[in-house]
């Protein structure tokens, strides 16, 4: 089943501290109040640590986690992205 996203709603989430420069992108699903966050491991020369069967989209990378809700604030998204980067020992 192909995942459908609302083209009008996406958010770039970045971590730019401690000489790092990592970005992910969040897309809002059309069918439900969920945002999927994608990270392009290859772009940063990092090994993909996500399960092989996880959703990957050309040019966006691999879905690393989802956040429920109709609205996603930049602050919430960046906080979760930073937590994910730390859990993955990327930062």
PDB file of N, CA and C in Angstrom:
ATOM      1  N   UNK A   1       0.839  -1.192   0.000  1.00  0.00           N
ATOM      2  CA  UNK A   1       0.000   0.000   0.000  1.00  0.00           C
ATOM      3  C   UNK A   1       0.885   1.256   0.000  1.00  0.00           C
ATOM      4  N   UNK A   2       0.617   2.131  -0.911  1.00  0.00           N
ATOM      5  CA  UNK A   2       1.407   3.358  -1.002  1.00  0.00           C
ATOM      6  C   UNK A   2       0.899   4.375   0.015  1.00  0.00           C
ATOM      7  N   UNK A   3       1.828   4.988   0.713  1.00  0.00           N
ATOM      8  CA  UNK A   3       1.495   5.987   1.706  1.00  0.00           C
ATOM      9  C   UNK A   3       1.235   7.311   0.993  1.00  0.00           C
ATOM     10  N   UNK A   4       0.183   7.984   1.385  1.00  0.00           N
ATOM     11  CA  UNK A   4      -0.150   9.275   0.779  1.00  0.00           C
ATOM     12  C   UNK A   4       0.093  10.385   1.795  1.00  0.00           C
ATOM     13  N   UNK A   5       0.760  11.432   1.336  1.00  0.00           N
ATOM     14  CA  UNK A   5       1.063  12.569   2.198  1.00  0.00           C
ATOM     15  C   UNK A   5       0.462  13.837   1.619  1.00  0.00           C
ATOM     16  N   UNK A   6       0.159  14.758   2.481  1.00  0.00           N
ATOM     17  CA  UNK A   6      -0.401  16.043   2.078  1.00  0.00           C
ATOM     18  C   UNK A   6       0.745  16.955   1.654  1.00  0.00           C
ATOM     19  N   UNK A   7       0.787  17.293   0.377  1.00  0.00           N
ATOM     20  CA  UNK A   7       1.870  18.114  -0.168  1.00  0.00           C
ATOM     21  C   UNK A   7       1.992  19.479   0.511  1.00  0.00           C
ATOM     22  N   UNK A   8       0.888  19.973   1.050  1.00  0.00           N
ATOM     23  CA  UNK A   8       0.891  21.300   1.672  1.00  0.00           C
ATOM     24  C   UNK A   8       1.553  21.303   3.044  1.00  0.00           C
ATOM     25  N   UNK A   9       1.680  20.116   3.654  1.00  0.00           N
ATOM     26  CA  UNK A   9       2.175  20.062   5.024  1.00  0.00           C
ATOM     27  C   UNK A   9       3.444  19.235   5.143  1.00  0.00           C
ATOM     28  N   UNK A  10       4.552  19.922   5.270  1.00  0.00           N
ATOM     29  CA  UNK A  10       5.801  19.259   5.600  1.00  0.00           C
ATOM     30  C   UNK A  10       6.643  20.240   6.399  1.00  0.00           C
ATOM     31  N   UNK A  11       7.591  19.687   7.128  1.00  0.00           N
ATOM     32  CA  UNK A  11       8.378  20.494   8.053  1.00  0.00           C
ATOM     33  C   UNK A  11       9.810  19.983   8.026  1.00  0.00           C
ATOM     34  N   UNK A  12      10.764  20.883   7.841  1.00  0.00           N
ATOM     35  CA  UNK A  12      12.180  20.519   7.909  1.00  0.00           C
ATOM     36  C   UNK A  12      12.630  20.650   9.360  1.00  0.00           C
ATOM     37  N   UNK A  13      13.208  19.577   9.896  1.00  0.00           N
ATOM     38  CA  UNK A  13      13.662  19.561  11.287  1.00  0.00           C
ATOM     39  C   UNK A  13      15.178  19.440  11.285  1.00  0.00           C
ATOM     40  N   UNK A  14      15.844  20.366  11.936  1.00  0.00           N
ATOM     41  CA  UNK A  14      17.302  20.361  11.896  1.00  0.00           C
ATOM     42  C   UNK A  14      17.947  20.363  13.264  1.00  0.00           C
ATOM     43  N   UNK A  15      19.134  19.783  13.311  1.00  0.00           N
ATOM     44  CA  UNK A  15      19.976  19.821  14.509  1.00  0.00           C
ATOM     45  C   UNK A  15      21.307  20.415  14.073  1.00  0.00           C
ATOM     46  N   UNK A  16      21.636  21.596  14.625  1.00  0.00           N
ATOM     47  CA  UNK A  16      22.809  22.336  14.154  1.00  0.00           C
ATOM     48  C   UNK A  16      23.755  22.707  15.288  1.00  0.00           C
ATOM     49  N   UNK A  17      23.763  21.951  16.356  1.00  0.00           N
ATOM     50  CA  UNK A  17      24.621  22.271  17.490  1.00  0.00           C
ATOM     51  C   UNK A  17      25.897  21.429  17.456  1.00  0.00           C
ATOM     52  N   UNK A  18      26.901  21.848  18.221  1.00  0.00           N
ATOM     53  CA  UNK A  18      28.153  21.098  18.370  1.00  0.00           C
ATOM     54  C   UNK A  18      28.774  20.708  17.033  1.00  0.00           C
ATOM     55  N   UNK A  19      28.811  21.657  16.113  1.00  0.00           N
ATOM     56  CA  UNK A  19      29.398  21.444  14.785  1.00  0.00           C
ATOM     57  C   UNK A  19      28.709  20.345  13.981  1.00  0.00           C
ATOM     58  N   UNK A  20      27.461  20.059  14.289  1.00  0.00           N
ATOM     59  CA  UNK A  20      26.686  19.064  13.541  1.00  0.00           C
ATOM     60  C   UNK A  20      25.712  19.784  12.608  1.00  0.00           C
ATOM     61  N   UNK A  21      25.321  19.108  11.573  1.00  0.00           N
ATOM     62  CA  UNK A  21      24.348  19.653  10.633  1.00  0.00           C
ATOM     63  C   UNK A  21      23.524  18.491  10.094  1.00  0.00           C
ATOM     64  N   UNK A  22      22.462  18.124  10.821  1.00  0.00           N
ATOM     65  CA  UNK A  22      21.594  17.014  10.425  1.00  0.00           C
ATOM     66  C   UNK A  22      20.188  17.549  10.209  1.00  0.00           C
ATOM     67  N   UNK A  23      19.551  17.051   9.162  1.00  0.00           N
ATOM     68  CA  UNK A  23      18.176  17.443   8.899  1.00  0.00           C
ATOM     69  C   UNK A  23      17.323  16.230   8.602  1.00  0.00           C
ATOM     70  N   UNK A  24      16.086  16.321   9.041  1.00  0.00           N
ATOM     71  CA  UNK A  24      15.077  15.337   8.675  1.00  0.00           C
ATOM     72  C   UNK A  24      13.891  16.127   8.131  1.00  0.00           C
ATOM     73  N   UNK A  25      12.948  15.419   7.573  1.00  0.00           N
ATOM     74  CA  UNK A  25      11.766  16.091   7.048  1.00  0.00           C
ATOM     75  C   UNK A  25      10.529  15.331   7.502  1.00  0.00           C
ATOM     76  N   UNK A  26       9.533  16.082   7.949  1.00  0.00           N
ATOM     77  CA  UNK A  26       8.282  15.501   8.440  1.00  0.00           C
ATOM     78  C   UNK A  26       7.192  15.732   7.398  1.00  0.00           C
ATOM     79  N   UNK A  27       6.428  14.686   7.118  1.00  0.00           N
ATOM     80  CA  UNK A  27       5.294  14.780   6.203  1.00  0.00           C
ATOM     81  C   UNK A  27       4.027  14.345   6.914  1.00  0.00           C
ATOM     82  N   UNK A  28       2.946  15.085   6.691  1.00  0.00           N
ATOM     83  CA  UNK A  28       1.641  14.792   7.298  1.00  0.00           C
ATOM     84  C   UNK A  28       0.905  13.787   6.413  1.00  0.00           C
ATOM     85  N   UNK A  29       0.457  12.680   7.027  1.00  0.00           N
ATOM     86  CA  UNK A  29      -0.321  11.690   6.281  1.00  0.00           C
ATOM     87  C   UNK A  29      -1.679  12.273   5.913  1.00  0.00           C
ATOM     88  N   UNK A  30      -2.162  11.920   4.745  1.00  0.00           N
ATOM     89  CA  UNK A  30      -3.476  12.379   4.306  1.00  0.00           C
ATOM     90  C   UNK A  30      -4.598  11.686   5.071  1.00  0.00           C
ATOM     91  N   UNK A  31      -4.415  10.412   5.366  1.00  0.00           N
ATOM     92  CA  UNK A  31      -5.485   9.584   5.899  1.00  0.00           C
ATOM     93  C   UNK A  31      -5.666   9.672   7.412  1.00  0.00           C
ATOM     94  N   UNK A  32      -4.697  10.228   8.118  1.00  0.00           N
ATOM     95  CA  UNK A  32      -4.800  10.280   9.576  1.00  0.00           C
ATOM     96  C   UNK A  32      -3.932  11.402  10.140  1.00  0.00           C
ATOM     97  N   UNK A  33      -4.170  11.716  11.400  1.00  0.00           N
ATOM     98  CA  UNK A  33      -3.416  12.780  12.065  1.00  0.00           C
ATOM     99  C   UNK A  33      -2.093  12.244  12.594  1.00  0.00           C
ATOM    100  N   UNK A  34      -1.202  11.953  11.655  1.00  0.00           N
ATOM    101  CA  UNK A  34       0.122  11.415  11.974  1.00  0.00           C
ATOM    102  C   UNK A  34       1.134  12.069  11.040  1.00  0.00           C
ATOM    103  N   UNK A  35       2.269  12.428  11.609  1.00  0.00           N
ATOM    104  CA  UNK A  35       3.400  12.947  10.842  1.00  0.00           C
ATOM    105  C   UNK A  35       4.489  11.885  10.834  1.00  0.00           C
ATOM    106  N   UNK A  36       4.986  11.540   9.649  1.00  0.00           N
ATOM    107  CA  UNK A  36       6.105  10.613   9.510  1.00  0.00           C
ATOM    108  C   UNK A  36       7.373  11.430   9.300  1.00  0.00           C
ATOM    109  N   UNK A  37       8.414  11.080  10.051  1.00  0.00           N
ATOM    110  CA  UNK A  37       9.681  11.797   9.971  1.00  0.00           C
ATOM    111  C   UNK A  37      10.684  10.923   9.227  1.00  0.00           C
ATOM    112  N   UNK A  38      11.292  11.493   8.183  1.00  0.00           N
ATOM    113  CA  UNK A  38      12.241  10.781   7.330  1.00  0.00           C
ATOM    114  C   UNK A  38      13.642  11.348   7.502  1.00  0.00           C
ATOM    115  N   UNK A  39      14.626  10.446   7.426  1.00  0.00           N
ATOM    116  CA  UNK A  39      16.027  10.830   7.553  1.00  0.00           C
ATOM    117  C   UNK A  39      16.820  10.103   6.479  1.00  0.00           C
ATOM    118  N   UNK A  40      17.657  10.831   5.763  1.00  0.00           N
ATOM    119  CA  UNK A  40      18.452  10.249   4.681  1.00  0.00           C
ATOM    120  C   UNK A  40      19.837   9.873   5.207  1.00  0.00           C
ATOM    121  N   UNK A  41      19.969   8.626   5.673  1.00  0.00           N
ATOM    122  CA  UNK A  41      21.236   8.133   6.233  1.00  0.00           C
ATOM    123  C   UNK A  41      22.375   8.290   5.231  1.00  0.00           C
ATOM    124  N   UNK A  42      22.097   7.937   3.976  1.00  0.00           N
ATOM    125  CA  UNK A  42      23.120   7.946   2.924  1.00  0.00           C
ATOM    126  C   UNK A  42      23.715   9.340   2.738  1.00  0.00           C
ATOM    127  N   UNK A  43      22.876  10.356   2.785  1.00  0.00           N
ATOM    128  CA  UNK A  43      23.322  11.744   2.596  1.00  0.00           C
ATOM    129  C   UNK A  43      24.412  12.124   3.611  1.00  0.00           C
ATOM    130  N   UNK A  44      24.329  11.536   4.801  1.00  0.00           N
ATOM    131  CA  UNK A  44      25.290  11.860   5.866  1.00  0.00           C
ATOM    132  C   UNK A  44      26.377  10.800   6.025  1.00  0.00           C
ATOM    133  N   UNK A  45      26.389   9.810   5.147  1.00  0.00           N
ATOM    134  CA  UNK A  45      27.390   8.765   5.211  1.00  0.00           C
ATOM    135  C   UNK A  45      27.243   7.884   6.447  1.00  0.00           C
ATOM    136  N   UNK A  46      25.994   7.727   6.908  1.00  0.00           N
ATOM    137  CA  UNK A  46      25.726   6.936   8.111  1.00  0.00           C
ATOM    138  C   UNK A  46      25.079   5.608   7.737  1.00  0.00           C
ATOM    139  N   UNK A  47      25.331   4.599   8.555  1.00  0.00           N
ATOM    140  CA  UNK A  47      24.716   3.287   8.348  1.00  0.00           C
ATOM    141  C   UNK A  47      23.250   3.371   8.763  1.00  0.00           C
ATOM    142  N   UNK A  48      22.370   2.865   7.914  1.00  0.00           N
ATOM    143  CA  UNK A  48      20.942   2.857   8.225  1.00  0.00           C
ATOM    144  C   UNK A  48      20.681   1.848   9.334  1.00  0.00           C
ATOM    145  N   UNK A  49      20.195   2.331  10.460  1.00  0.00           N
ATOM    146  CA  UNK A  49      19.979   1.476  11.631  1.00  0.00           C
ATOM    147  C   UNK A  49      18.516   1.043  11.762  1.00  0.00           C
ATOM    148  N   UNK A  50      17.696   1.397  10.799  1.00  0.00           N
ATOM    149  CA  UNK A  50      16.265   1.107  10.845  1.00  0.00           C
ATOM    150  C   UNK A  50      16.006  -0.231  10.154  1.00  0.00           C
ATOM    151  N   UNK A  51      14.959  -0.930  10.604  1.00  0.00           N
ATOM    152  CA  UNK A  51      14.607  -2.221  10.013  1.00  0.00           C
ATOM    153  C   UNK A  51      14.481  -2.115   8.495  1.00  0.00           C
ATOM    154  N   UNK A  52      14.902  -3.160   7.813  1.00  0.00           N
ATOM    155  CA  UNK A  52      14.908  -3.165   6.350  1.00  0.00           C
ATOM    156  C   UNK A  52      13.537  -2.935   5.740  1.00  0.00           C
ATOM    157  N   UNK A  53      12.480  -3.409   6.396  1.00  0.00           N
ATOM    158  CA  UNK A  53      11.151  -3.305   5.799  1.00  0.00           C
ATOM    159  C   UNK A  53      10.469  -1.975   6.113  1.00  0.00           C
ATOM    160  N   UNK A  54      11.172  -1.065   6.767  1.00  0.00           N
ATOM    161  CA  UNK A  54      10.595   0.247   7.066  1.00  0.00           C
ATOM    162  C   UNK A  54      10.450   1.047   5.773  1.00  0.00           C
ATOM    163  N   UNK A  55       9.488   1.935   5.758  1.00  0.00           N
ATOM    164  CA  UNK A  55       9.206   2.759   4.590  1.00  0.00           C
ATOM    165  C   UNK A  55      10.381   3.664   4.250  1.00  0.00           C
ATOM    166  N   UNK A  56      10.808   3.599   3.005  1.00  0.00           N
ATOM    167  CA  UNK A  56      11.826   4.511   2.490  1.00  0.00           C
ATOM    168  C   UNK A  56      11.272   5.159   1.235  1.00  0.00           C
ATOM    169  N   UNK A  57      11.529   6.453   1.085  1.00  0.00           N
ATOM    170  CA  UNK A  57      11.061   7.173  -0.086  1.00  0.00           C
ATOM    171  C   UNK A  57      12.254   7.802  -0.793  1.00  0.00           C
ATOM    172  N   UNK A  58      12.276   7.660  -2.088  1.00  0.00           N
ATOM    173  CA  UNK A  58      13.352   8.201  -2.906  1.00  0.00           C
ATOM    174  C   UNK A  58      13.524   9.700  -2.642  1.00  0.00           C
ATOM    175  N   UNK A  59      14.742  10.091  -2.336  1.00  0.00           N
ATOM    176  CA  UNK A  59      15.038  11.492  -2.116  1.00  0.00           C
ATOM    177  C   UNK A  59      14.751  11.999  -0.710  1.00  0.00           C
ATOM    178  N   UNK A  60      14.016  11.213   0.078  1.00  0.00           N
ATOM    179  CA  UNK A  60      13.686  11.628   1.445  1.00  0.00           C
ATOM    180  C   UNK A  60      14.413  10.806   2.488  1.00  0.00           C
ATOM    181  N   UNK A  61      14.654   9.553   2.173  1.00  0.00           N
ATOM    182  CA  UNK A  61      15.299   8.666   3.121  1.00  0.00           C
ATOM    183  C   UNK A  61      14.318   7.680   3.717  1.00  0.00           C
ATOM    184  N   UNK A  62      14.592   7.283   4.949  1.00  0.00           N
ATOM    185  CA  UNK A  62      13.839   6.248   5.650  1.00  0.00           C
ATOM    186  C   UNK A  62      13.040   6.864   6.789  1.00  0.00           C
ATOM    187  N   UNK A  63      11.814   6.351   6.978  1.00  0.00           N
ATOM    188  CA  UNK A  63      10.998   6.817   8.101  1.00  0.00           C
ATOM    189  C   UNK A  63      11.664   6.351   9.394  1.00  0.00           C
ATOM    190  N   UNK A  64      11.980   7.319  10.274  1.00  0.00           N
ATOM    191  CA  UNK A  64      12.677   6.979  11.516  1.00  0.00           C
ATOM    192  C   UNK A  64      11.733   6.945  12.710  1.00  0.00           C
ATOM    193  N   UNK A  65      10.650   7.698  12.652  1.00  0.00           N
ATOM    194  CA  UNK A  65       9.607   7.626  13.666  1.00  0.00           C
ATOM    195  C   UNK A  65       8.412   8.440  13.196  1.00  0.00           C
ATOM    196  N   UNK A  66       7.309   8.341  13.927  1.00  0.00           N
ATOM    197  CA  UNK A  66       6.093   9.094  13.618  1.00  0.00           C
ATOM    198  C   UNK A  66       5.646   9.824  14.870  1.00  0.00           C
ATOM    199  N   UNK A  67       4.956  10.926  14.652  1.00  0.00           N
ATOM    200  CA  UNK A  67       4.403  11.715  15.755  1.00  0.00           C
ATOM    201  C   UNK A  67       2.920  11.901  15.473  1.00  0.00           C
ATOM    202  N   UNK A  68       2.078  11.541  16.440  1.00  0.00           N
ATOM    203  CA  UNK A  68       0.643  11.696  16.283  1.00  0.00           C
ATOM    204  C   UNK A  68       0.224  13.147  16.462  1.00  0.00           C
ATOM    205  N   UNK A  69      -0.869  13.512  15.788  1.00  0.00           N
ATOM    206  CA  UNK A  69      -1.414  14.853  15.943  1.00  0.00           C
ATOM    207  C   UNK A  69      -1.633  15.518  14.606  1.00  0.00           C
ATOM    208  N   UNK A  70      -2.597  16.420  14.574  1.00  0.00           N
ATOM    209  CA  UNK A  70      -2.912  17.144  13.350  1.00  0.00           C
ATOM    210  C   UNK A  70      -1.863  18.212  13.061  1.00  0.00           C
ATOM    211  N   UNK A  71      -1.435  18.903  14.107  1.00  0.00           N
ATOM    212  CA  UNK A  71      -0.425  19.946  13.982  1.00  0.00           C
ATOM    213  C   UNK A  71       0.883  19.497  14.601  1.00  0.00           C
ATOM    214  N   UNK A  72       1.963  19.773  13.934  1.00  0.00           N
ATOM    215  CA  UNK A  72       3.285  19.482  14.488  1.00  0.00           C
ATOM    216  C   UNK A  72       4.054  20.791  14.519  1.00  0.00           C
ATOM    217  N   UNK A  73       4.487  21.192  15.711  1.00  0.00           N
ATOM    218  CA  UNK A  73       5.282  22.409  15.798  1.00  0.00           C
ATOM    219  C   UNK A  73       6.738  22.079  15.523  1.00  0.00           C
ATOM    220  N   UNK A  74       7.455  23.068  15.043  1.00  0.00           N
ATOM    221  CA  UNK A  74       8.885  22.901  14.791  1.00  0.00           C
ATOM    222  C   UNK A  74       9.595  22.485  16.079  1.00  0.00           C
ATOM    223  N   UNK A  75       9.240  23.128  17.193  1.00  0.00           N
ATOM    224  CA  UNK A  75       9.896  22.857  18.477  1.00  0.00           C
ATOM    225  C   UNK A  75       9.720  21.395  18.896  1.00  0.00           C
ATOM    226  N   UNK A  76       8.509  20.889  18.783  1.00  0.00           N
ATOM    227  CA  UNK A  76       8.239  19.492  19.148  1.00  0.00           C
ATOM    228  C   UNK A  76       8.998  18.543  18.221  1.00  0.00           C
ATOM    229  N   UNK A  77       8.936  18.814  16.936  1.00  0.00           N
ATOM    230  CA  UNK A  77       9.610  17.959  15.962  1.00  0.00           C
ATOM    231  C   UNK A  77      11.117  17.925  16.166  1.00  0.00           C
ATOM    232  N   UNK A  78      11.714  19.101  16.392  1.00  0.00           N
ATOM    233  CA  UNK A  78      13.170  19.169  16.584  1.00  0.00           C
ATOM    234  C   UNK A  78      13.586  18.459  17.864  1.00  0.00           C
ATOM    235  N   UNK A  79      12.793  18.614  18.915  1.00  0.00           N
ATOM    236  CA  UNK A  79      13.108  17.945  20.197  1.00  0.00           C
ATOM    237  C   UNK A  79      13.117  16.428  20.009  1.00  0.00           C
ATOM    238  N   UNK A  80      12.105  15.902  19.332  1.00  0.00           N
ATOM    239  CA  UNK A  80      12.043  14.461  19.089  1.00  0.00           C
ATOM    240  C   UNK A  80      13.177  14.000  18.173  1.00  0.00           C
ATOM    241  N   UNK A  81      13.501  14.808  17.168  1.00  0.00           N
ATOM    242  CA  UNK A  81      14.597  14.469  16.254  1.00  0.00           C
ATOM    243  C   UNK A  81      15.920  14.430  17.012  1.00  0.00           C
ATOM    244  N   UNK A  82      16.145  15.413  17.876  1.00  0.00           N
ATOM    245  CA  UNK A  82      17.376  15.446  18.672  1.00  0.00           C
ATOM    246  C   UNK A  82      17.452  14.226  19.600  1.00  0.00           C
ATOM    247  N   UNK A  83      16.327  13.850  20.209  1.00  0.00           N
ATOM    248  CA  UNK A  83      16.299  12.654  21.068  1.00  0.00           C
ATOM    249  C   UNK A  83      16.636  11.411  20.248  1.00  0.00           C
ATOM    250  N   UNK A  84      16.096  11.326  19.038  1.00  0.00           N
ATOM    251  CA  UNK A  84      16.363  10.182  18.177  1.00  0.00           C
ATOM    252  C   UNK A  84      17.849  10.133  17.804  1.00  0.00           C
ATOM    253  N   UNK A  85      18.421  11.289  17.421  1.00  0.00           N
ATOM    254  CA  UNK A  85      19.847  11.348  17.085  1.00  0.00           C
ATOM    255  C   UNK A  85      20.706  10.868  18.259  1.00  0.00           C
ATOM    256  N   UNK A  86      20.341  11.261  19.468  1.00  0.00           N
ATOM    257  CA  UNK A  86      21.089  10.859  20.668  1.00  0.00           C
ATOM    258  C   UNK A  86      20.936   9.356  20.904  1.00  0.00           C
ATOM    259  N   UNK A  87      19.720   8.834  20.776  1.00  0.00           N
ATOM    260  CA  UNK A  87      19.487   7.399  20.977  1.00  0.00           C
ATOM    261  C   UNK A  87      20.268   6.557  19.978  1.00  0.00           C
ATOM    262  N   UNK A  88      20.433   7.086  18.771  1.00  0.00           N
ATOM    263  CA  UNK A  88      21.175   6.370  17.717  1.00  0.00           C
ATOM    264  C   UNK A  88      22.682   6.560  17.854  1.00  0.00           C
ATOM    265  N   UNK A  89      23.088   7.360  18.860  1.00  0.00           N
ATOM    266  CA  UNK A  89      24.496   7.691  19.093  1.00  0.00           C
ATOM    267  C   UNK A  89      25.127   8.404  17.895  1.00  0.00           C
ATOM    268  N   UNK A  90      24.304   9.192  17.200  1.00  0.00           N
ATOM    269  CA  UNK A  90      24.785  10.008  16.087  1.00  0.00           C
ATOM    270  C   UNK A  90      25.347  11.313  16.653  1.00  0.00           C
ATOM    271  N   UNK A  91      24.717  11.793  17.721  1.00  0.00           N
ATOM    272  CA  UNK A  91      25.238  12.988  18.407  1.00  0.00           C
ATOM    273  C   UNK A  91      25.586  12.629  19.837  1.00  0.00           C
TER     274      UNK A  91
END
